[in-house]
Amino acid sequence: VQRRVLRHLLGLGEDTVQTGAAPVILLAPDLTPSDTARLGPDTLLGF
């Protein structure tokens, strides 16, 4: 929630998860619920 509000205050766009053309196994320090909800089997194999 904090990141969402700060992006608006700082005039930044939506966070995006770059996965490439084919589905991948995503590796990250952590993922937010918002990150995960934007993903799907067409972009991601798992994480």
All heavy atoms as atom14 arrays in JSON, in Angstrom:
{
  "sequence": "VQRRVLRHLLGLGEDTVQTGAAPVILLAPDLTPSDTARLGPDTLLGF",
  "atom14_mask": [
    [1, 1, 1, 1, 1, 1, 1, 0, 0, 0, 0, 0, 0, 0],
    [1, 1, 1, 1, 1, 1, 1, 1, 1, 0, 0, 0, 0, 0],
    [1, 1, 1, 1, 1, 1, 1, 1, 1, 1, 1, 0, 0, 0],
    [1, 1, 1, 1, 1, 1, 1, 1, 1, 1, 1, 0, 0, 0],
    [1, 1, 1, 1, 1, 1, 1, 0, 0, 0, 0, 0, 0, 0],
    [1, 1, 1, 1, 1, 1, 1, 1, 0, 0, 0, 0, 0, 0],
    [1, 1, 1, 1, 1, 1, 1, 1, 1, 1, 1, 0, 0, 0],
    [1, 1, 1, 1, 1, 1, 1, 1, 1, 1, 0, 0, 0, 0],
    [1, 1, 1, 1, 1, 1, 1, 1, 0, 0, 0, 0, 0, 0],
    [1, 1, 1, 1, 1, 1, 1, 1, 0, 0, 0, 0, 0, 0],
    [1, 1, 1, 1, 0, 0, 0, 0, 0, 0, 0, 0, 0, 0],
    [1, 1, 1, 1, 1, 1, 1, 1, 0, 0, 0, 0, 0, 0],
    [1, 1, 1, 1, 0, 0, 0, 0, 0, 0, 0, 0, 0, 0],
    [1, 1, 1, 1, 1, 1, 1, 1, 1, 0, 0, 0, 0, 0],
    [1, 1, 1, 1, 1, 1, 1, 1, 0, 0, 0, 0, 0, 0],
    [1, 1, 1, 1, 1, 1, 1, 0, 0, 0, 0, 0, 0, 0],
    [1, 1, 1, 1, 1, 1, 1, 0, 0, 0, 0, 0, 0, 0],
    [1, 1, 1, 1, 1, 1, 1, 1, 1, 0, 0, 0, 0, 0],
    [1, 1, 1, 1, 1, 1, 1, 0, 0, 0, 0, 0, 0, 0],
    [1, 1, 1, 1, 0, 0, 0, 0, 0, 0, 0, 0, 0, 0],
    [1, 1, 1, 1, 1, 0, 0, 0, 0, 0, 0, 0, 0, 0],
    [1, 1, 1, 1, 1, 0, 0, 0, 0, 0, 0, 0, 0, 0],
    [1, 1, 1, 1, 1, 1, 1, 0, 0, 0, 0, 0, 0, 0],
    [1, 1, 1, 1, 1, 1, 1, 0, 0, 0, 0, 0, 0, 0],
    [1, 1, 1, 1, 1, 1, 1, 1, 0, 0, 0, 0, 0, 0],
    [1, 1, 1, 1, 1, 1, 1, 1, 0, 0, 0, 0, 0, 0],
    [1, 1, 1, 1, 1, 1, 1, 1, 0, 0, 0, 0, 0, 0],
    [1, 1, 1, 1, 1, 0, 0, 0, 0, 0, 0, 0, 0, 0],
    [1, 1, 1, 1, 1, 1, 1, 0, 0, 0, 0, 0, 0, 0],
    [1, 1, 1, 1, 1, 1, 1, 1, 0, 0, 0, 0, 0, 0],
    [1, 1, 1, 1, 1, 1, 1, 1, 0, 0, 0, 0, 0, 0],
    [1, 1, 1, 1, 1, 1, 1, 0, 0, 0, 0, 0, 0, 0],
    [1, 1, 1, 1, 1, 1, 1, 0, 0, 0, 0, 0, 0, 0],
    [1, 1, 1, 1, 1, 1, 0, 0, 0, 0, 0, 0, 0, 0],
    [1, 1, 1, 1, 1, 1, 1, 1, 0, 0, 0, 0, 0, 0],
    [1, 1, 1, 1, 1, 1, 1, 0, 0, 0, 0, 0, 0, 0],
    [1, 1, 1, 1, 1, 0, 0, 0, 0, 0, 0, 0, 0, 0],
    [1, 1, 1, 1, 1, 1, 1, 1, 1, 1, 1, 0, 0, 0],
    [1, 1, 1, 1, 1, 1, 1, 1, 0, 0, 0, 0, 0, 0],
    [1, 1, 1, 1, 0, 0, 0, 0, 0, 0, 0, 0, 0, 0],
    [1, 1, 1, 1, 1, 1, 1, 0, 0, 0, 0, 0, 0, 0],
    [1, 1, 1, 1, 1, 1, 1, 1, 0, 0, 0, 0, 0, 0],
    [1, 1, 1, 1, 1, 1, 1, 0, 0, 0, 0, 0, 0, 0],
    [1, 1, 1, 1, 1, 1, 1, 1, 0, 0, 0, 0, 0, 0],
    [1, 1, 1, 1, 1, 1, 1, 1, 0, 0, 0, 0, 0, 0],
    [1, 1, 1, 1, 0, 0, 0, 0, 0, 0, 0, 0, 0, 0],
    [1, 1, 1, 1, 1, 1, 1, 1, 1, 1, 1, 0, 0, 0]
  ],
  "atom14_positions": [
    [[0.84, -1.2, 0.0], [0.0, 0.0, 0.0], [0.88, 1.25, 0.0], [0.61, 2.23, -0.73], [-0.94, 0.0, 1.22], [-1.66, 1.34, 1.36], [-1.96, -1.14, 1.11], [0.0, 0.0, 0.0], [0.0, 0.0, 0.0], [0.0, 0.0, 0.0], [0.0, 0.0, 0.0], [0.0, 0.0, 0.0], [0.0, 0.0, 0.0], [0.0, 0.0, 0.0]],
    [[1.93, 1.24, 0.79], [2.83, 2.39, 0.87], [3.42, 2.72, -0.51], [3.43, 3.87, -0.94], [3.96, 2.11, 1.86], [4.94, 3.26, 2.02], [6.24, 2.82, 2.68], [6.96, 2.0, 2.14], [6.51, 3.37, 3.86], [0.0, 0.0, 0.0], [0.0, 0.0, 0.0], [0.0, 0.0, 0.0], [0.0, 0.0, 0.0], [0.0, 0.0, 0.0]],
    [[3.91, 1.71, -1.21], [4.5, 1.93, -2.54], [3.47, 2.51, -3.5], [3.77, 3.39, -4.31], [5.03, 0.62, -3.12], [6.34, 0.15, -2.55], [6.89, -1.05, -3.3], [7.19, -0.73, -4.69], [8.33, -0.21, -5.1], [9.28, 0.08, -4.22], [8.54, 0.03, -6.39], [0.0, 0.0, 0.0], [0.0, 0.0, 0.0], [0.0, 0.0, 0.0]],
    [[2.24, 2.04, -3.39], [1.18, 2.51, -4.29], [0.95, 4.01, -4.1], [0.84, 4.77, -5.07], [-0.11, 1.72, -4.02], [-1.2, 1.93, -5.03], [-2.4, 1.06, -4.71], [-2.12, -0.35, -4.89], [-2.09, -0.97, -6.06], [-2.34, -0.28, -7.17], [-1.85, -2.25, -6.14], [0.0, 0.0, 0.0], [0.0, 0.0, 0.0], [0.0, 0.0, 0.0]],
    [[0.88, 4.45, -2.84], [0.64, 5.87, -2.56], [1.86, 6.71, -2.95], [1.73, 7.78, -3.56], [0.3, 6.07, -1.07], [0.16, 7.56, -0.75], [-1.0, 5.34, -0.72], [0.0, 0.0, 0.0], [0.0, 0.0, 0.0], [0.0, 0.0, 0.0], [0.0, 0.0, 0.0], [0.0, 0.0, 0.0], [0.0, 0.0, 0.0], [0.0, 0.0, 0.0]],
    [[3.05, 6.22, -2.61], [4.26, 6.98, -2.92], [4.46, 7.15, -4.42], [4.92, 8.2, -4.88], [5.49, 6.3, -2.29], [5.6, 6.36, -0.77], [6.83, 5.6, -0.29], [5.64, 7.81, -0.28], [0.0, 0.0, 0.0], [0.0, 0.0, 0.0], [0.0, 0.0, 0.0], [0.0, 0.0, 0.0], [0.0, 0.0, 0.0], [0.0, 0.0, 0.0]],
    [[4.11, 6.13, -5.2], [4.24, 6.27, -6.66], [3.38, 7.43, -7.16], [3.79, 8.19, -8.04], [3.84, 4.97, -7.37], [4.87, 3.87, -7.25], [4.65, 2.8, -8.31], [3.28, 2.32, -8.36], [2.81, 1.33, -7.63], [3.61, 0.69, -6.77], [1.55, 0.94, -7.73], [0.0, 0.0, 0.0], [0.0, 0.0, 0.0], [0.0, 0.0, 0.0]],
    [[2.18, 7.57, -6.61], [1.31, 8.68, -7.02], [1.89, 10.01, -6.54], [1.87, 11.01, -7.29], [-0.11, 8.48, -6.49], [-0.9, 7.45, -7.23], [-1.32, 7.64, -8.53], [-1.31, 6.2, -6.88], [-1.98, 6.56, -8.94], [-1.98, 5.68, -7.96], [0.0, 0.0, 0.0], [0.0, 0.0, 0.0], [0.0, 0.0, 0.0], [0.0, 0.0, 0.0]],
    [[2.41, 10.05, -5.34], [2.98, 11.3, -4.82], [4.23, 11.71, -5.59], [4.5, 12.9, -5.77], [3.32, 11.14, -3.34], [2.13, 11.2, -2.37], [2.56, 10.77, -0.98], [1.52, 12.6, -2.32], [0.0, 0.0, 0.0], [0.0, 0.0, 0.0], [0.0, 0.0, 0.0], [0.0, 0.0, 0.0], [0.0, 0.0, 0.0], [0.0, 0.0, 0.0]],
    [[4.98, 10.73, -6.08], [6.21, 11.02, -6.8], [6.0, 11.12, -8.31], [6.95, 11.36, -9.07], [7.26, 9.93, -6.5], [7.68, 9.8, -5.04], [8.59, 8.59, -4.85], [8.37, 11.08, -4.56], [0.0, 0.0, 0.0], [0.0, 0.0, 0.0], [0.0, 0.0, 0.0], [0.0, 0.0, 0.0], [0.0, 0.0, 0.0], [0.0, 0.0, 0.0]],
    [[4.76, 10.9, -8.76], [4.47, 11.0, -10.19], [5.04, 9.86, -11.0], [5.36, 10.02, -12.19], [0.0, 0.0, 0.0], [0.0, 0.0, 0.0], [0.0, 0.0, 0.0], [0.0, 0.0, 0.0], [0.0, 0.0, 0.0], [0.0, 0.0, 0.0], [0.0, 0.0, 0.0], [0.0, 0.0, 0.0], [0.0, 0.0, 0.0], [0.0, 0.0, 0.0]],
    [[5.15, 8.68, -10.4], [5.7, 7.52, -11.1], [4.58, 6.61, -11.57], [3.48, 6.59, -11.0], [6.64, 6.73, -10.17], [7.83, 7.52, -9.62], [8.61, 6.66, -8.64], [8.73, 7.99, -10.76], [0.0, 0.0, 0.0], [0.0, 0.0, 0.0], [0.0, 0.0, 0.0], [0.0, 0.0, 0.0], [0.0, 0.0, 0.0], [0.0, 0.0, 0.0]],
    [[4.85, 5.82, -12.6], [3.86, 4.9, -13.14], [3.74, 3.64, -12.3], [4.44, 3.45, -11.29], [0.0, 0.0, 0.0], [0.0, 0.0, 0.0], [0.0, 0.0, 0.0], [0.0, 0.0, 0.0], [0.0, 0.0, 0.0], [0.0, 0.0, 0.0], [0.0, 0.0, 0.0], [0.0, 0.0, 0.0], [0.0, 0.0, 0.0], [0.0, 0.0, 0.0]],
    [[2.87, 2.75, -12.74], [2.63, 1.48, -12.07], [3.88, 0.63, -12.08], [4.64, 0.61, -13.05], [1.49, 0.74, -12.79], [0.99, -0.5, -12.07], [0.07, -0.18, -10.9], [-0.9, 0.56, -11.09], [0.37, -0.68, -9.8], [0.0, 0.0, 0.0], [0.0, 0.0, 0.0], [0.0, 0.0, 0.0], [0.0, 0.0, 0.0], [0.0, 0.0, 0.0]],
    [[4.11, -0.12, -10.97], [5.19, -1.1, -10.97], [4.89, -2.18, -12.0], [3.74, -2.61, -12.14], [5.3, -1.77, -9.59], [6.11, -0.94, -8.62], [6.85, -0.07, -9.08], [6.0, -1.17, -7.41], [0.0, 0.0, 0.0], [0.0, 0.0, 0.0], [0.0, 0.0, 0.0], [0.0, 0.0, 0.0], [0.0, 0.0, 0.0], [0.0, 0.0, 0.0]],
    [[5.88, -2.62, -12.74], [5.69, -3.71, -13.7], [6.73, -4.78, -13.44], [7.84, -4.51, -12.98], [5.84, -3.2, -15.15], [7.14, -2.61, -15.31], [4.77, -2.19, -15.49], [0.0, 0.0, 0.0], [0.0, 0.0, 0.0], [0.0, 0.0, 0.0], [0.0, 0.0, 0.0], [0.0, 0.0, 0.0], [0.0, 0.0, 0.0], [0.0, 0.0, 0.0]],
    [[6.34, -6.02, -13.72], [7.25, -7.16, -13.6], [7.63, -7.58, -15.0], [6.78, -8.04, -15.78], [6.57, -8.32, -12.84], [7.53, -9.5, -12.73], [6.12, -7.87, -11.46], [0.0, 0.0, 0.0], [0.0, 0.0, 0.0], [0.0, 0.0, 0.0], [0.0, 0.0, 0.0], [0.0, 0.0, 0.0], [0.0, 0.0, 0.0], [0.0, 0.0, 0.0]],
    [[8.9, -7.4, -15.37], [9.37, -7.75, -16.71], [9.68, -9.24, -16.76], [10.56, -9.72, -16.05], [10.63, -6.94, -17.05], [10.43, -5.43, -17.01], [9.45, -4.93, -18.06], [9.31, -5.53, -19.12], [8.77, -3.83, -17.77], [0.0, 0.0, 0.0], [0.0, 0.0, 0.0], [0.0, 0.0, 0.0], [0.0, 0.0, 0.0], [0.0, 0.0, 0.0]],
    [[8.95, -9.97, -17.59], [9.15, -11.41, -17.64], [9.67, -11.89, -18.99], [10.07, -13.04, -19.12], [7.82, -12.15, -17.35], [6.82, -11.7, -18.28], [7.35, -11.87, -15.93], [0.0, 0.0, 0.0], [0.0, 0.0, 0.0], [0.0, 0.0, 0.0], [0.0, 0.0, 0.0], [0.0, 0.0, 0.0], [0.0, 0.0, 0.0], [0.0, 0.0, 0.0]],
    [[9.65, -11.08, -20.04], [10.15, -11.5, -21.34], [9.05, -12.09, -22.2], [7.88, -12.16, -21.82], [0.0, 0.0, 0.0], [0.0, 0.0, 0.0], [0.0, 0.0, 0.0], [0.0, 0.0, 0.0], [0.0, 0.0, 0.0], [0.0, 0.0, 0.0], [0.0, 0.0, 0.0], [0.0, 0.0, 0.0], [0.0, 0.0, 0.0], [0.0, 0.0, 0.0]],
    [[9.44, -12.58, -23.38], [8.47, -13.07, -24.36], [7.86, -14.41, -23.94], [6.67, -14.66, -24.13], [9.13, -13.2, -25.73], [0.0, 0.0, 0.0], [0.0, 0.0, 0.0], [0.0, 0.0, 0.0], [0.0, 0.0, 0.0], [0.0, 0.0, 0.0], [0.0, 0.0, 0.0], [0.0, 0.0, 0.0], [0.0, 0.0, 0.0], [0.0, 0.0, 0.0]],
    [[8.7, -15.31, -23.39], [8.22, -16.64, -22.99], [8.09, -16.7, -21.47], [8.79, -15.99, -20.75], [9.2, -17.7, -23.49], [0.0, 0.0, 0.0], [0.0, 0.0, 0.0], [0.0, 0.0, 0.0], [0.0, 0.0, 0.0], [0.0, 0.0, 0.0], [0.0, 0.0, 0.0], [0.0, 0.0, 0.0], [0.0, 0.0, 0.0], [0.0, 0.0, 0.0]],
    [[7.2, -17.54, -20.95], [7.06, -17.67, -19.5], [8.37, -18.08, -18.83], [9.15, -18.85, -19.4], [6.01, -18.77, -19.35], [5.23, -18.75, -20.62], [6.23, -18.38, -21.68], [0.0, 0.0, 0.0], [0.0, 0.0, 0.0], [0.0, 0.0, 0.0], [0.0, 0.0, 0.0], [0.0, 0.0, 0.0], [0.0, 0.0, 0.0], [0.0, 0.0, 0.0]],
    [[8.64, -17.54, -17.65], [9.9, -17.77, -16.96], [9.64, -18.18, -15.51], [8.53, -18.07, -15.0], [10.78, -16.5, -16.98], [11.2, -16.15, -18.39], [10.03, -15.32, -16.32], [0.0, 0.0, 0.0], [0.0, 0.0, 0.0], [0.0, 0.0, 0.0], [0.0, 0.0, 0.0], [0.0, 0.0, 0.0], [0.0, 0.0, 0.0], [0.0, 0.0, 0.0]],
    [[10.7, -18.63, -14.85], [10.7, -18.82, -13.41], [11.25, -17.52, -12.81], [12.42, -17.19, -13.01], [11.57, -20.02, -12.99], [11.0, -21.31, -13.57], [11.64, -20.12, -11.47], [11.9, -22.54, -13.36], [0.0, 0.0, 0.0], [0.0, 0.0, 0.0], [0.0, 0.0, 0.0], [0.0, 0.0, 0.0], [0.0, 0.0, 0.0], [0.0, 0.0, 0.0]],
    [[10.4, -16.78, -12.13], [10.78, -15.45, -11.63], [11.49, -15.59, -10.28], [11.03, -16.32, -9.4], [9.54, -14.58, -11.48], [9.77, -13.07, -11.41], [10.3, -12.56, -12.74], [8.47, -12.35, -11.04], [0.0, 0.0, 0.0], [0.0, 0.0, 0.0], [0.0, 0.0, 0.0], [0.0, 0.0, 0.0], [0.0, 0.0, 0.0], [0.0, 0.0, 0.0]],
    [[12.59, -14.88, -10.12], [13.34, -14.86, -8.87], [13.35, -13.43, -8.34], [13.55, -12.49, -9.1], [14.79, -15.33, -9.1], [14.97, -16.66, -9.85], [16.44, -16.98, -10.01], [14.24, -17.79, -9.13], [0.0, 0.0, 0.0], [0.0, 0.0, 0.0], [0.0, 0.0, 0.0], [0.0, 0.0, 0.0], [0.0, 0.0, 0.0], [0.0, 0.0, 0.0]],
    [[13.11, -13.26, -7.04], [13.0, -11.92, -6.49], [13.3, -11.93, -5.0], [13.17, -12.98, -4.34], [11.59, -11.37, -6.72], [0.0, 0.0, 0.0], [0.0, 0.0, 0.0], [0.0, 0.0, 0.0], [0.0, 0.0, 0.0], [0.0, 0.0, 0.0], [0.0, 0.0, 0.0], [0.0, 0.0, 0.0], [0.0, 0.0, 0.0], [0.0, 0.0, 0.0]],
    [[13.68, -10.76, -4.44], [13.81, -10.68, -2.98], [12.48, -11.04, -2.31], [12.43, -11.81, -1.37], [14.19, -9.22, -2.74], [14.79, -8.76, -4.02], [14.05, -9.51, -5.1], [0.0, 0.0, 0.0], [0.0, 0.0, 0.0], [0.0, 0.0, 0.0], [0.0, 0.0, 0.0], [0.0, 0.0, 0.0], [0.0, 0.0, 0.0], [0.0, 0.0, 0.0]],
    [[11.41, -10.48, -2.83], [10.05, -10.79, -2.39], [9.12, -10.25, -3.46], [9.52, -9.44, -4.3], [9.75, -10.15, -1.04], [8.6, -10.84, -0.3], [8.0, -11.78, -0.87], [8.3, -10.44, 0.84], [0.0, 0.0, 0.0], [0.0, 0.0, 0.0], [0.0, 0.0, 0.0], [0.0, 0.0, 0.0], [0.0, 0.0, 0.0], [0.0, 0.0, 0.0]],
    [[7.89, -10.68, -3.46], [6.88, -10.14, -4.38], [5.72, -9.63, -3.55], [5.35, -10.23, -2.54], [6.38, -11.23, -5.34], [7.35, -11.7, -6.42], [6.78, -12.92, -7.15], [7.64, -10.6, -7.42], [0.0, 0.0, 0.0], [0.0, 0.0, 0.0], [0.0, 0.0, 0.0], [0.0, 0.0, 0.0], [0.0, 0.0, 0.0], [0.0, 0.0, 0.0]],
    [[5.13, -8.52, -3.97], [3.96, -8.0, -3.28], [2.71, -8.71, -3.83], [2.73, -9.27, -4.92], [3.81, -6.49, -3.5], [3.49, -6.26, -4.89], [5.08, -5.75, -3.13], [0.0, 0.0, 0.0], [0.0, 0.0, 0.0], [0.0, 0.0, 0.0], [0.0, 0.0, 0.0], [0.0, 0.0, 0.0], [0.0, 0.0, 0.0], [0.0, 0.0, 0.0]],
    [[1.61, -8.67, -3.08], [0.35, -9.2, -3.63], [-0.02, -8.55, -4.96], [-0.53, -9.22, -5.86], [-0.67, -8.88, -2.53], [0.13, -8.86, -1.27], [1.46, -8.27, -1.66], [0.0, 0.0, 0.0], [0.0, 0.0, 0.0], [0.0, 0.0, 0.0], [0.0, 0.0, 0.0], [0.0, 0.0, 0.0], [0.0, 0.0, 0.0], [0.0, 0.0, 0.0]],
    [[0.24, -7.24, -5.09], [-0.08, -6.55, -6.34], [0.75, -7.09, -7.49], [0.25, -7.3, -8.6], [0.16, -5.04, -6.2], [-0.71, -4.49, -5.24], [0.0, 0.0, 0.0], [0.0, 0.0, 0.0], [0.0, 0.0, 0.0], [0.0, 0.0, 0.0], [0.0, 0.0, 0.0], [0.0, 0.0, 0.0], [0.0, 0.0, 0.0], [0.0, 0.0, 0.0]],
    [[2.06, -7.31, -7.25], [2.92, -7.91, -8.27], [2.33, -9.23, -8.75], [2.19, -9.48, -9.95], [4.33, -8.2, -7.7], [5.15, -6.96, -7.47], [4.9, -5.94, -8.14], [6.07, -7.01, -6.63], [0.0, 0.0, 0.0], [0.0, 0.0, 0.0], [0.0, 0.0, 0.0], [0.0, 0.0, 0.0], [0.0, 0.0, 0.0], [0.0, 0.0, 0.0]],
    [[2.01, -10.09, -7.79], [1.58, -11.45, -8.1], [0.24, -11.46, -8.83], [0.04, -12.25, -9.76], [1.49, -12.28, -6.81], [2.67, -12.07, -6.03], [1.37, -13.76, -7.12], [0.0, 0.0, 0.0], [0.0, 0.0, 0.0], [0.0, 0.0, 0.0], [0.0, 0.0, 0.0], [0.0, 0.0, 0.0], [0.0, 0.0, 0.0], [0.0, 0.0, 0.0]],
    [[-0.67, -10.57, -8.43], [-1.99, -10.55, -9.05], [-1.93, -10.13, -10.51], [-2.81, -10.47, -11.3], [-2.92, -9.61, -8.28], [0.0, 0.0, 0.0], [0.0, 0.0, 0.0], [0.0, 0.0, 0.0], [0.0, 0.0, 0.0], [0.0, 0.0, 0.0], [0.0, 0.0, 0.0], [0.0, 0.0, 0.0], [0.0, 0.0, 0.0], [0.0, 0.0, 0.0]],
    [[-0.88, -9.38, -10.89], [-0.75, -8.96, -12.28], [-0.13, -10.04, -13.17], [-0.09, -9.89, -14.39], [0.1, -7.67, -12.37], [-0.64, -6.42, -11.97], [0.16, -5.17, -12.33], [1.33, -5.04, -11.5], [1.37, -4.33, -10.36], [0.29, -3.7, -9.96], [2.47, -4.24, -9.66], [0.0, 0.0, 0.0], [0.0, 0.0, 0.0], [0.0, 0.0, 0.0]],
    [[0.38, -11.09, -12.56], [1.04, -12.14, -13.31], [0.05, -13.24, -13.65], [-1.08, -13.26, -13.2], [2.21, -12.7, -12.49], [3.29, -11.68, -12.12], [4.25, -12.27, -11.09], [4.05, -11.25, -13.37], [0.0, 0.0, 0.0], [0.0, 0.0, 0.0], [0.0, 0.0, 0.0], [0.0, 0.0, 0.0], [0.0, 0.0, 0.0], [0.0, 0.0, 0.0]],
    [[0.49, -14.2, -14.44], [-0.37, -15.31, -14.81], [0.43, -16.37, -15.54], [1.61, -16.19, -15.86], [0.0, 0.0, 0.0], [0.0, 0.0, 0.0], [0.0, 0.0, 0.0], [0.0, 0.0, 0.0], [0.0, 0.0, 0.0], [0.0, 0.0, 0.0], [0.0, 0.0, 0.0], [0.0, 0.0, 0.0], [0.0, 0.0, 0.0], [0.0, 0.0, 0.0]],
    [[-0.19, -17.52, -15.82], [0.51, -18.62, -16.48], [1.06, -18.26, -17.86], [1.97, -18.92, -18.35], [-0.58, -19.7, -16.59], [-1.57, -19.36, -15.53], [-1.57, -17.87, -15.44], [0.0, 0.0, 0.0], [0.0, 0.0, 0.0], [0.0, 0.0, 0.0], [0.0, 0.0, 0.0], [0.0, 0.0, 0.0], [0.0, 0.0, 0.0], [0.0, 0.0, 0.0]],
    [[0.53, -17.2, -18.49], [1.04, -16.81, -19.81], [2.37, -16.07, -19.72], [3.1, -15.96, -20.7], [0.02, -15.94, -20.54], [-0.41, -14.74, -19.73], [-0.32, -14.8, -18.49], [-0.82, -13.73, -20.33], [0.0, 0.0, 0.0], [0.0, 0.0, 0.0], [0.0, 0.0, 0.0], [0.0, 0.0, 0.0], [0.0, 0.0, 0.0], [0.0, 0.0, 0.0]],
    [[2.71, -15.57, -18.54], [3.98, -14.85, -18.37], [4.9, -15.53, -17.38], [6.1, -15.23, -17.33], [3.72, -13.42, -17.86], [3.0, -13.48, -16.62], [2.93, -12.6, -18.86], [0.0, 0.0, 0.0], [0.0, 0.0, 0.0], [0.0, 0.0, 0.0], [0.0, 0.0, 0.0], [0.0, 0.0, 0.0], [0.0, 0.0, 0.0], [0.0, 0.0, 0.0]],
    [[4.37, -16.44, -16.59], [5.13, -16.99, -15.48], [4.91, -18.49, -15.37], [3.78, -18.99, -15.46], [4.66, -16.31, -14.18], [5.63, -16.19, -13.04], [6.87, -15.41, -13.45], [4.96, -15.51, -11.86], [0.0, 0.0, 0.0], [0.0, 0.0, 0.0], [0.0, 0.0, 0.0], [0.0, 0.0, 0.0], [0.0, 0.0, 0.0], [0.0, 0.0, 0.0]],
    [[6.01, -19.22, -15.15], [5.93, -20.66, -14.86], [5.79, -20.88, -13.35], [5.14, -21.82, -12.9], [7.19, -21.37, -15.37], [7.42, -21.36, -16.88], [8.8, -21.91, -17.21], [6.34, -22.17, -17.59], [0.0, 0.0, 0.0], [0.0, 0.0, 0.0], [0.0, 0.0, 0.0], [0.0, 0.0, 0.0], [0.0, 0.0, 0.0], [0.0, 0.0, 0.0]],
    [[6.43, -20.02, -12.58], [6.43, -20.11, -11.13], [7.4, -19.08, -10.6], [8.0, -18.33, -11.36], [0.0, 0.0, 0.0], [0.0, 0.0, 0.0], [0.0, 0.0, 0.0], [0.0, 0.0, 0.0], [0.0, 0.0, 0.0], [0.0, 0.0, 0.0], [0.0, 0.0, 0.0], [0.0, 0.0, 0.0], [0.0, 0.0, 0.0], [0.0, 0.0, 0.0]],
    [[7.58, -19.03, -9.26], [8.53, -18.07, -8.73], [9.17, -18.58, -7.45], [8.63, -19.45, -6.75], [7.9, -16.69, -8.52], [6.82, -16.62, -7.47], [7.13, -16.52, -6.11], [5.48, -16.6, -7.84], [6.14, -16.43, -5.15], [4.48, -16.5, -6.88], [4.82, -16.42, -5.53], [0.0, 0.0, 0.0], [0.0, 0.0, 0.0], [0.0, 0.0, 0.0]]
  ]
}
